[in-house]
Amino acid sequence: MITELTTTGSMVSELQITAGERQGITYLQHSYFTRPFKVADISGKDNPVLHLVMMTASPGILDGDNYKISMELAPGANVHLYTQSYQRIFNMQQGAKQQVQVKMGAGSSLCYLPHPSVPHEQSVFEGYNSIEIERDCRLMWGEIITCGRKLSGEVFKCRLFQSITEVYRDGKLLFKDVTVLQPEQIPANVTGQWEEYTHQAALLWHNETKDMTVMADLINDMLSQEKGIAAGVSQTASGALLVRVLGQGGEQLYSLFKKIAVLAGNERML
């Protein structure tokens, strides 16, 4: 059972980013944001890759928040998008939503590896990510979900955490991933769910220019050297790789993301 949220009286916060490309250099062509969002360009001088930090003045996602984020990459643009810190999702009555829409021009590249999300007790959150890619695009898209404030004893106390990610090309659905955490309905610590683990990470890597079968073997070798996790790599019907990891800490899973990103050829990662 998935709870359907209403948005009556919700606070809509918007963030828009457009990345252009000129002579091999990616630049921030346009940005628009409303409270609590901000965008920081940390690329540095003469960097061909556009490095952006998505910042927020809020302590986290609050009851009634409705985030709408859109991003457009020009053909050939190369963007690394970071988050500022862990995303806390606070106690709620109504719930909160986040919608992310990404459009990638031909030959563009996007690496988005956010910090873990922390759903607090009685939080309700629905996230939807829609990504449209064109030919020869390179996409690395990650998500890490925690059990909550583990050190405070809040382990799987949220009411609902739902995240849907869809990737399209030419109007055709290439990939869809649905994650639903609803502990009151389906306990997370039972067989077939998270079992003894408290954190989950998922990473989609789409790159038509690499031999992804070889890359899957390299990632499996890397994961096999990590302690305290359960992990696997699978190949989607479109040839992309999906890496899924269960663990006990957000920092370890976030560090794994960065290692995979470097392996993929993204040399500079925060």
C-alpha atoms as a PDB file:
ATOM      1  CA  MET A   1       0.000   0.000   0.000  1.00  0.00           C
ATOM      2  CA  ILE A   2       1.425   3.356  -1.075  1.00  0.00           C
ATOM      3  CA  THR A   3      -0.014   6.457   0.551  1.00  0.00           C
ATOM      4  CA  GLU A   4      -1.167   9.148  -1.856  1.00  0.00           C
ATOM      5  CA  LEU A   5      -0.230  12.624  -0.633  1.00  0.00           C
ATOM      6  CA  THR A   6      -2.134  15.835  -1.130  1.00  0.00           C
ATOM      7  CA  THR A   7      -0.364  19.125  -1.737  1.00  0.00           C
ATOM      8  CA  THR A   8      -3.003  21.490  -0.373  1.00  0.00           C
ATOM      9  CA  GLY A   9      -1.297  24.391   1.353  1.00  0.00           C
ATOM     10  CA  SER A  10       2.150  23.054   0.519  1.00  0.00           C
ATOM     11  CA  MET A  11       5.173  25.242   0.014  1.00  0.00           C
ATOM     12  CA  VAL A  12       6.491  24.934  -3.548  1.00  0.00           C
ATOM     13  CA  SER A  13      10.235  25.508  -3.842  1.00  0.00           C
ATOM     14  CA  GLU A  14      11.846  25.579  -7.280  1.00  0.00           C
ATOM     15  CA  LEU A  15      15.347  25.073  -8.600  1.00  0.00           C
ATOM     16  CA  GLN A  16      16.214  25.353 -12.290  1.00  0.00           C
ATOM     17  CA  ILE A  17      19.642  24.740 -13.816  1.00  0.00           C
ATOM     18  CA  THR A  18      20.710  24.985 -17.458  1.00  0.00           C
ATOM     19  CA  ALA A  19      24.245  23.965 -18.455  1.00  0.00           C
ATOM     20  CA  GLY A  20      25.694  25.168 -21.757  1.00  0.00           C
ATOM     21  CA  GLU A  21      28.797  24.052 -23.652  1.00  0.00           C
ATOM     22  CA  ARG A  22      31.261  26.173 -25.592  1.00  0.00           C
ATOM     23  CA  GLN A  23      34.571  24.954 -27.095  1.00  0.00           C
ATOM     24  CA  GLY A  24      34.780  22.005 -24.733  1.00  0.00           C
ATOM     25  CA  ILE A  25      33.982  24.029 -21.603  1.00  0.00           C
ATOM     26  CA  THR A  26      30.717  23.505 -19.707  1.00  0.00           C
ATOM     27  CA  TYR A  27      29.303  26.608 -18.034  1.00  0.00           C
ATOM     28  CA  LEU A  28      26.261  27.579 -15.971  1.00  0.00           C
ATOM     29  CA  GLN A  29      24.043  29.143 -18.608  1.00  0.00           C
ATOM     30  CA  HIS A  30      21.017  29.776 -16.393  1.00  0.00           C
ATOM     31  CA  SER A  31      19.942  29.231 -12.818  1.00  0.00           C
ATOM     32  CA  TYR A  32      16.781  30.135 -10.963  1.00  0.00           C
ATOM     33  CA  PHE A  33      15.824  29.208  -7.430  1.00  0.00           C
ATOM     34  CA  THR A  34      13.396  30.096  -4.686  1.00  0.00           C
ATOM     35  CA  ARG A  35      13.802  29.596  -0.956  1.00  0.00           C
ATOM     36  CA  PRO A  36      15.366  27.547   0.506  1.00  0.00           C
ATOM     37  CA  PHE A  37      17.487  26.595  -2.558  1.00  0.00           C
ATOM     38  CA  LYS A  38      20.795  28.042  -3.685  1.00  0.00           C
ATOM     39  CA  VAL A  39      23.341  26.916  -6.293  1.00  0.00           C
ATOM     40  CA  ALA A  40      27.111  27.270  -5.903  1.00  0.00           C
ATOM     41  CA  ASP A  41      29.495  26.916  -8.851  1.00  0.00           C
ATOM     42  CA  ILE A  42      32.715  25.395  -7.471  1.00  0.00           C
ATOM     43  CA  SER A  43      34.274  24.491 -10.820  1.00  0.00           C
ATOM     44  CA  GLY A  44      37.296  26.738 -10.551  1.00  0.00           C
ATOM     45  CA  LYS A  45      39.119  28.488 -13.360  1.00  0.00           C
ATOM     46  CA  ASP A  46      39.465  26.772 -16.758  1.00  0.00           C
ATOM     47  CA  ASN A  47      37.760  23.571 -15.591  1.00  0.00           C
ATOM     48  CA  PRO A  48      36.038  21.883 -18.558  1.00  0.00           C
ATOM     49  CA  VAL A  49      33.541  20.209 -16.198  1.00  0.00           C
ATOM     50  CA  LEU A  50      30.831  22.218 -14.429  1.00  0.00           C
ATOM     51  CA  HIS A  51      30.798  21.354 -10.712  1.00  0.00           C
ATOM     52  CA  LEU A  52      27.673  22.565  -8.895  1.00  0.00           C
ATOM     53  CA  VAL A  53      26.571  22.238  -5.274  1.00  0.00           C
ATOM     54  CA  MET A  54      22.834  22.215  -4.643  1.00  0.00           C
ATOM     55  CA  MET A  55      22.452  24.055  -1.331  1.00  0.00           C
ATOM     56  CA  THR A  56      19.518  24.737   0.953  1.00  0.00           C
ATOM     57  CA  ALA A  57      19.001  27.156   3.838  1.00  0.00           C
ATOM     58  CA  SER A  58      16.521  24.757   5.447  1.00  0.00           C
ATOM     59  CA  PRO A  59      17.609  22.198   8.073  1.00  0.00           C
ATOM     60  CA  GLY A  60      15.889  19.554   5.954  1.00  0.00           C
ATOM     61  CA  ILE A  61      12.620  18.656   4.250  1.00  0.00           C
ATOM     62  CA  LEU A  62       9.671  19.868   6.326  1.00  0.00           C
ATOM     63  CA  ASP A  63       5.997  18.955   6.423  1.00  0.00           C
ATOM     64  CA  GLY A  64       4.199  20.327   3.363  1.00  0.00           C
ATOM     65  CA  ASP A  65       7.365  20.991   1.361  1.00  0.00           C
ATOM     66  CA  ASN A  66       7.016  20.489  -2.375  1.00  0.00           C
ATOM     67  CA  TYR A  67      10.364  20.612  -4.200  1.00  0.00           C
ATOM     68  CA  LYS A  68      10.441  20.981  -7.978  1.00  0.00           C
ATOM     69  CA  ILE A  69      13.907  20.665  -9.500  1.00  0.00           C
ATOM     70  CA  SER A  70      14.687  20.816 -13.204  1.00  0.00           C
ATOM     71  CA  MET A  71      17.987  20.505 -15.018  1.00  0.00           C
ATOM     72  CA  GLU A  72      18.840  20.768 -18.714  1.00  0.00           C
ATOM     73  CA  LEU A  73      22.197  19.908 -20.279  1.00  0.00           C
ATOM     74  CA  ALA A  74      23.142  21.186 -23.722  1.00  0.00           C
ATOM     75  CA  PRO A  75      24.682  18.685 -26.164  1.00  0.00           C
ATOM     76  CA  GLY A  76      28.217  17.877 -25.045  1.00  0.00           C
ATOM     77  CA  ALA A  77      27.840  19.445 -21.589  1.00  0.00           C
ATOM     78  CA  ASN A  78      29.503  17.728 -18.619  1.00  0.00           C
ATOM     79  CA  VAL A  79      28.094  18.348 -15.124  1.00  0.00           C
ATOM     80  CA  HIS A  80      28.839  17.031 -11.639  1.00  0.00           C
ATOM     81  CA  LEU A  81      26.017  17.878  -9.233  1.00  0.00           C
ATOM     82  CA  TYR A  82      26.582  17.580  -5.477  1.00  0.00           C
ATOM     83  CA  THR A  83      24.460  17.998  -2.376  1.00  0.00           C
ATOM     84  CA  GLN A  84      25.511  20.051   0.624  1.00  0.00           C
ATOM     85  CA  SER A  85      24.973  17.464   3.365  1.00  0.00           C
ATOM     86  CA  TYR A  86      22.734  14.648   4.555  1.00  0.00           C
ATOM     87  CA  GLN A  87      19.085  15.259   3.628  1.00  0.00           C
ATOM     88  CA  ARG A  88      16.984  15.134   6.792  1.00  0.00           C
ATOM     89  CA  ILE A  89      13.269  14.443   6.366  1.00  0.00           C
ATOM     90  CA  PHE A  90      11.470  15.615   9.481  1.00  0.00           C
ATOM     91  CA  ASN A  91       8.395  14.444  11.439  1.00  0.00           C
ATOM     92  CA  MET A  92       5.235  15.191   9.459  1.00  0.00           C
ATOM     93  CA  GLN A  93       1.466  15.176   9.455  1.00  0.00           C
ATOM     94  CA  GLN A  94       0.758  15.762   5.752  1.00  0.00           C
ATOM     95  CA  GLY A  95       3.976  14.740   4.004  1.00  0.00           C
ATOM     96  CA  ALA A  96       6.433  16.170   1.485  1.00  0.00           C
ATOM     97  CA  LYS A  97       7.231  15.682  -2.190  1.00  0.00           C
ATOM     98  CA  GLN A  98      10.194  16.166  -4.477  1.00  0.00           C
ATOM     99  CA  GLN A  99      10.059  16.067  -8.281  1.00  0.00           C
ATOM    100  CA  VAL A 100      13.258  16.104 -10.338  1.00  0.00           C
ATOM    101  CA  GLN A 101      13.223  16.446 -14.131  1.00  0.00           C
ATOM    102  CA  VAL A 102      16.429  16.137 -16.155  1.00  0.00           C
ATOM    103  CA  LYS A 103      16.904  16.600 -19.902  1.00  0.00           C
ATOM    104  CA  MET A 104      20.268  15.610 -21.374  1.00  0.00           C
ATOM    105  CA  GLY A 105      21.338  16.662 -24.857  1.00  0.00           C
ATOM    106  CA  ALA A 106      23.274  14.346 -27.157  1.00  0.00           C
ATOM    107  CA  GLY A 107      26.729  13.464 -25.871  1.00  0.00           C
ATOM    108  CA  SER A 108      26.192  15.152 -22.500  1.00  0.00           C
ATOM    109  CA  SER A 109      27.328  13.758 -19.159  1.00  0.00           C
ATOM    110  CA  LEU A 110      25.792  14.019 -15.672  1.00  0.00           C
ATOM    111  CA  CYS A 111      27.130  12.633 -12.407  1.00  0.00           C
ATOM    112  CA  TYR A 112      24.776  13.017  -9.426  1.00  0.00           C
ATOM    113  CA  LEU A 113      25.755  11.246  -6.207  1.00  0.00           C
ATOM    114  CA  PRO A 114      23.803  12.828  -3.332  1.00  0.00           C
ATOM    115  CA  HIS A 115      24.449  12.467   0.380  1.00  0.00           C
ATOM    116  CA  PRO A 116      22.204   9.959   2.201  1.00  0.00           C
ATOM    117  CA  SER A 117      18.568  10.737   3.006  1.00  0.00           C
ATOM    118  CA  VAL A 118      17.583  10.422   6.678  1.00  0.00           C
ATOM    119  CA  PRO A 119      13.828   9.869   7.188  1.00  0.00           C
ATOM    120  CA  HIS A 120      12.969  10.808  10.781  1.00  0.00           C
ATOM    121  CA  GLU A 121      10.244   9.223  12.884  1.00  0.00           C
ATOM    122  CA  GLN A 122       6.745   9.711  11.388  1.00  0.00           C
ATOM    123  CA  SER A 123       8.134  11.294   8.210  1.00  0.00           C
ATOM    124  CA  VAL A 124       6.297  10.907   4.902  1.00  0.00           C
ATOM    125  CA  PHE A 125       8.174  11.523   1.650  1.00  0.00           C
ATOM    126  CA  GLU A 126       7.561  10.847  -2.037  1.00  0.00           C
ATOM    127  CA  GLY A 127      10.293  11.434  -4.595  1.00  0.00           C
ATOM    128  CA  TYR A 128      10.041  11.153  -8.374  1.00  0.00           C
ATOM    129  CA  ASN A 129      12.983  11.460 -10.789  1.00  0.00           C
ATOM    130  CA  SER A 130      12.408  11.638 -14.547  1.00  0.00           C
ATOM    131  CA  ILE A 131      15.496  11.657 -16.773  1.00  0.00           C
ATOM    132  CA  GLU A 132      15.403  12.052 -20.564  1.00  0.00           C
ATOM    133  CA  ILE A 133      18.609  11.184 -22.398  1.00  0.00           C
ATOM    134  CA  GLU A 134      19.660  11.439 -26.027  1.00  0.00           C
ATOM    135  CA  ARG A 135      22.301   9.442 -27.922  1.00  0.00           C
ATOM    136  CA  ASP A 136      25.779   8.937 -26.434  1.00  0.00           C
ATOM    137  CA  CYS A 137      24.818  10.350 -23.026  1.00  0.00           C
ATOM    138  CA  ARG A 138      26.719   9.326 -19.906  1.00  0.00           C
ATOM    139  CA  LEU A 139      24.691   9.204 -16.708  1.00  0.00           C
ATOM    140  CA  MET A 140      25.612   8.275 -13.153  1.00  0.00           C
ATOM    141  CA  TRP A 141      22.680   8.657 -10.749  1.00  0.00           C
ATOM    142  CA  GLY A 142      22.756   7.567  -7.125  1.00  0.00           C
ATOM    143  CA  GLU A 143      20.574   7.375  -4.042  1.00  0.00           C
ATOM    144  CA  ILE A 144      21.303   6.361  -0.441  1.00  0.00           C
ATOM    145  CA  ILE A 145      18.552   5.766   2.115  1.00  0.00           C
ATOM    146  CA  THR A 146      19.164   5.354   5.838  1.00  0.00           C
ATOM    147  CA  CYS A 147      16.990   3.807   8.538  1.00  0.00           C
ATOM    148  CA  GLY A 148      16.659   7.185  10.249  1.00  0.00           C
ATOM    149  CA  ARG A 149      18.538   8.679  13.191  1.00  0.00           C
ATOM    150  CA  LYS A 150      20.203   5.419  14.137  1.00  0.00           C
ATOM    151  CA  LEU A 151      22.261   6.821  17.024  1.00  0.00           C
ATOM    152  CA  SER A 152      19.080   8.307  18.538  1.00  0.00           C
ATOM    153  CA  GLY A 153      17.267   4.981  18.430  1.00  0.00           C
ATOM    154  CA  GLU A 154      15.059   5.907  15.467  1.00  0.00           C
ATOM    155  CA  VAL A 155      15.492   2.794  13.351  1.00  0.00           C
ATOM    156  CA  PHE A 156      12.835   2.412  10.629  1.00  0.00           C
ATOM    157  CA  LYS A 157      10.356   4.744  12.303  1.00  0.00           C
ATOM    158  CA  CYS A 158       9.231   6.644   9.190  1.00  0.00           C
ATOM    159  CA  ARG A 159       5.664   6.221   7.914  1.00  0.00           C
ATOM    160  CA  LEU A 160       6.637   6.276   4.231  1.00  0.00           C
ATOM    161  CA  PHE A 161       9.687   6.814   2.075  1.00  0.00           C
ATOM    162  CA  GLN A 162       9.020   6.306  -1.618  1.00  0.00           C
ATOM    163  CA  SER A 163      11.402   7.020  -4.494  1.00  0.00           C
ATOM    164  CA  ILE A 164      10.776   6.406  -8.199  1.00  0.00           C
ATOM    165  CA  THR A 165      13.425   6.907 -10.883  1.00  0.00           C
ATOM    166  CA  GLU A 166      12.675   6.628 -14.612  1.00  0.00           C
ATOM    167  CA  VAL A 167      15.042   7.041 -17.571  1.00  0.00           C
ATOM    168  CA  TYR A 168      13.675   7.666 -21.077  1.00  0.00           C
ATOM    169  CA  ARG A 169      15.113   7.984 -24.576  1.00  0.00           C
ATOM    170  CA  ASP A 170      13.013   8.964 -27.602  1.00  0.00           C
ATOM    171  CA  GLY A 171       9.899   8.541 -25.471  1.00  0.00           C
ATOM    172  CA  LYS A 172      10.784   4.948 -24.592  1.00  0.00           C
ATOM    173  CA  LEU A 173      11.242   3.864 -20.996  1.00  0.00           C
ATOM    174  CA  LEU A 174      14.753   2.430 -20.589  1.00  0.00           C
ATOM    175  CA  PHE A 175      14.853   1.983 -16.824  1.00  0.00           C
ATOM    176  CA  LYS A 176      12.549   2.234 -13.830  1.00  0.00           C
ATOM    177  CA  ASP A 177      13.419   1.720 -10.183  1.00  0.00           C
ATOM    178  CA  VAL A 178      10.888   1.915  -7.342  1.00  0.00           C
ATOM    179  CA  THR A 179      11.917   1.956  -3.692  1.00  0.00           C
ATOM    180  CA  VAL A 180       9.252   1.912  -0.986  1.00  0.00           C
ATOM    181  CA  LEU A 181      10.063   1.908   2.709  1.00  0.00           C
ATOM    182  CA  GLN A 182       6.899   1.585   4.799  1.00  0.00           C
ATOM    183  CA  PRO A 183       7.918  -0.178   8.024  1.00  0.00           C
ATOM    184  CA  GLU A 184       4.416  -0.342   9.558  1.00  0.00           C
ATOM    185  CA  GLN A 185       3.187  -2.316   6.555  1.00  0.00           C
ATOM    186  CA  ILE A 186       6.338  -4.281   5.676  1.00  0.00           C
ATOM    187  CA  PRO A 187       9.040  -4.470   8.380  1.00  0.00           C
ATOM    188  CA  ALA A 188      12.439  -3.660   6.907  1.00  0.00           C
ATOM    189  CA  ASN A 189      14.335  -6.245   8.951  1.00  0.00           C
ATOM    190  CA  VAL A 190      12.532  -9.323   7.599  1.00  0.00           C
ATOM    191  CA  THR A 191      13.840 -11.823   5.054  1.00  0.00           C
ATOM    192  CA  GLY A 192      13.795 -10.444   1.547  1.00  0.00           C
ATOM    193  CA  GLN A 193      13.913  -6.815   2.726  1.00  0.00           C
ATOM    194  CA  TRP A 194      16.883  -5.074   4.356  1.00  0.00           C
ATOM    195  CA  GLU A 195      17.282  -7.885   6.912  1.00  0.00           C
ATOM    196  CA  GLU A 196      20.142  -7.038   9.331  1.00  0.00           C
ATOM    197  CA  TYR A 197      21.218  -3.926   7.388  1.00  0.00           C
ATOM    198  CA  THR A 198      20.157  -0.336   8.054  1.00  0.00           C
ATOM    199  CA  HIS A 199      21.280   1.528   4.900  1.00  0.00           C
ATOM    200  CA  GLN A 200      20.610   0.991   1.203  1.00  0.00           C
ATOM    201  CA  ALA A 201      22.358   2.480  -1.821  1.00  0.00           C
ATOM    202  CA  ALA A 202      21.415   2.273  -5.491  1.00  0.00           C
ATOM    203  CA  LEU A 203      23.535   3.569  -8.369  1.00  0.00           C
ATOM    204  CA  LEU A 204      22.586   3.618 -12.054  1.00  0.00           C
ATOM    205  CA  TRP A 205      25.418   3.974 -14.567  1.00  0.00           C
ATOM    206  CA  HIS A 206      24.564   4.449 -18.247  1.00  0.00           C
ATOM    207  CA  ASN A 207      27.447   4.745 -20.726  1.00  0.00           C
ATOM    208  CA  GLU A 208      27.268   3.459 -24.276  1.00  0.00           C
ATOM    209  CA  THR A 209      30.946   4.171 -24.951  1.00  0.00           C
ATOM    210  CA  LYS A 210      32.315   1.618 -22.466  1.00  0.00           C
ATOM    211  CA  ASP A 211      32.201  -2.175 -22.273  1.00  0.00           C
ATOM    212  CA  MET A 212      29.809  -2.370 -19.335  1.00  0.00           C
ATOM    213  CA  THR A 213      30.329  -6.106 -18.877  1.00  0.00           C
ATOM    214  CA  VAL A 214      33.982  -5.432 -18.130  1.00  0.00           C
ATOM    215  CA  MET A 215      33.058  -2.506 -15.876  1.00  0.00           C
ATOM    216  CA  ALA A 216      30.605  -4.705 -13.961  1.00  0.00           C
ATOM    217  CA  ASP A 217      33.434  -7.126 -13.201  1.00  0.00           C
ATOM    218  CA  LEU A 218      35.652  -4.272 -11.981  1.00  0.00           C
ATOM    219  CA  ILE A 219      32.898  -2.950  -9.707  1.00  0.00           C
ATOM    220  CA  ASN A 220      32.210  -6.436  -8.351  1.00  0.00           C
ATOM    221  CA  ASP A 221      35.908  -6.793  -7.518  1.00  0.00           C
ATOM    222  CA  MET A 222      35.828  -3.451  -5.704  1.00  0.00           C
ATOM    223  CA  LEU A 223      32.703  -4.357  -3.749  1.00  0.00           C
ATOM    224  CA  SER A 224      34.125  -7.730  -2.740  1.00  0.00           C
ATOM    225  CA  GLN A 225      36.904  -5.941  -0.860  1.00  0.00           C
ATOM    226  CA  GLU A 226      34.451  -3.982   1.305  1.00  0.00           C
ATOM    227  CA  LYS A 227      33.535  -5.346   4.725  1.00  0.00           C
ATOM    228  CA  GLY A 228      30.086  -5.277   6.313  1.00  0.00           C
ATOM    229  CA  ILE A 229      28.019  -4.952   3.139  1.00  0.00           C
ATOM    230  CA  ALA A 230      25.887  -7.049   0.824  1.00  0.00           C
ATOM    231  CA  ALA A 231      26.082  -5.885  -2.776  1.00  0.00           C
ATOM    232  CA  GLY A 232      25.410  -6.832  -6.358  1.00  0.00           C
ATOM    233  CA  VAL A 233      25.732  -5.486  -9.885  1.00  0.00           C
ATOM    234  CA  SER A 234      23.177  -6.195 -12.602  1.00  0.00           C
ATOM    235  CA  GLN A 235      22.861  -5.091 -16.214  1.00  0.00           C
ATOM    236  CA  THR A 236      19.624  -3.527 -17.431  1.00  0.00           C
ATOM    237  CA  ALA A 237      17.954  -4.287 -20.740  1.00  0.00           C
ATOM    238  CA  SER A 238      19.440  -1.097 -22.205  1.00  0.00           C
ATOM    239  CA  GLY A 239      22.959  -2.129 -21.182  1.00  0.00           C
ATOM    240  CA  ALA A 240      23.309   0.172 -18.161  1.00  0.00           C
ATOM    241  CA  LEU A 241      24.570  -1.073 -14.815  1.00  0.00           C
ATOM    242  CA  LEU A 242      22.608  -1.014 -11.571  1.00  0.00           C
ATOM    243  CA  VAL A 243      24.640  -1.296  -8.392  1.00  0.00           C
ATOM    244  CA  ARG A 244      22.727  -2.009  -5.183  1.00  0.00           C
ATOM    245  CA  VAL A 245      24.375  -2.122  -1.759  1.00  0.00           C
ATOM    246  CA  LEU A 246      23.136  -2.817   1.769  1.00  0.00           C
ATOM    247  CA  GLY A 247      25.250  -1.691   4.694  1.00  0.00           C
ATOM    248  CA  GLN A 248      25.358  -0.261   8.197  1.00  0.00           C
ATOM    249  CA  GLY A 249      26.583   3.285   7.579  1.00  0.00           C
ATOM    250  CA  GLY A 250      25.934   6.133   5.187  1.00  0.00           C
ATOM    251  CA  GLU A 251      29.545   7.284   4.986  1.00  0.00           C
ATOM    252  CA  GLN A 252      30.746   3.886   3.782  1.00  0.00           C
ATOM    253  CA  LEU A 253      28.118   3.738   1.038  1.00  0.00           C
ATOM    254  CA  TYR A 254      28.767   7.343  -0.001  1.00  0.00           C
ATOM    255  CA  SER A 255      32.489   6.585  -0.185  1.00  0.00           C
ATOM    256  CA  LEU A 256      31.728   3.587  -2.405  1.00  0.00           C
ATOM    257  CA  PHE A 257      29.790   5.837  -4.767  1.00  0.00           C
ATOM    258  CA  LYS A 258      32.798   8.116  -5.123  1.00  0.00           C
ATOM    259  CA  LYS A 259      35.119   5.167  -5.756  1.00  0.00           C
ATOM    260  CA  ILE A 260      32.848   3.899  -8.534  1.00  0.00           C
ATOM    261  CA  ALA A 261      32.644   7.408 -10.004  1.00  0.00           C
ATOM    262  CA  VAL A 262      36.441   7.605 -10.166  1.00  0.00           C
ATOM    263  CA  LEU A 263      36.508   4.156 -11.754  1.00  0.00           C
ATOM    264  CA  ALA A 264      34.040   5.455 -14.339  1.00  0.00           C
ATOM    265  CA  GLY A 265      36.424   8.260 -15.283  1.00  0.00           C
ATOM    266  CA  ASN A 266      35.104  11.086 -13.099  1.00  0.00           C
ATOM    267  CA  GLU A 267      38.467  12.071 -11.660  1.00  0.00           C
ATOM    268  CA  ARG A 268      37.412  14.867  -9.327  1.00  0.00           C
ATOM    269  CA  MET A 269      34.809  13.953  -6.740  1.00  0.00           C
ATOM    270  CA  LEU A 270      34.054  15.848  -3.506  1.00  0.00           C
END
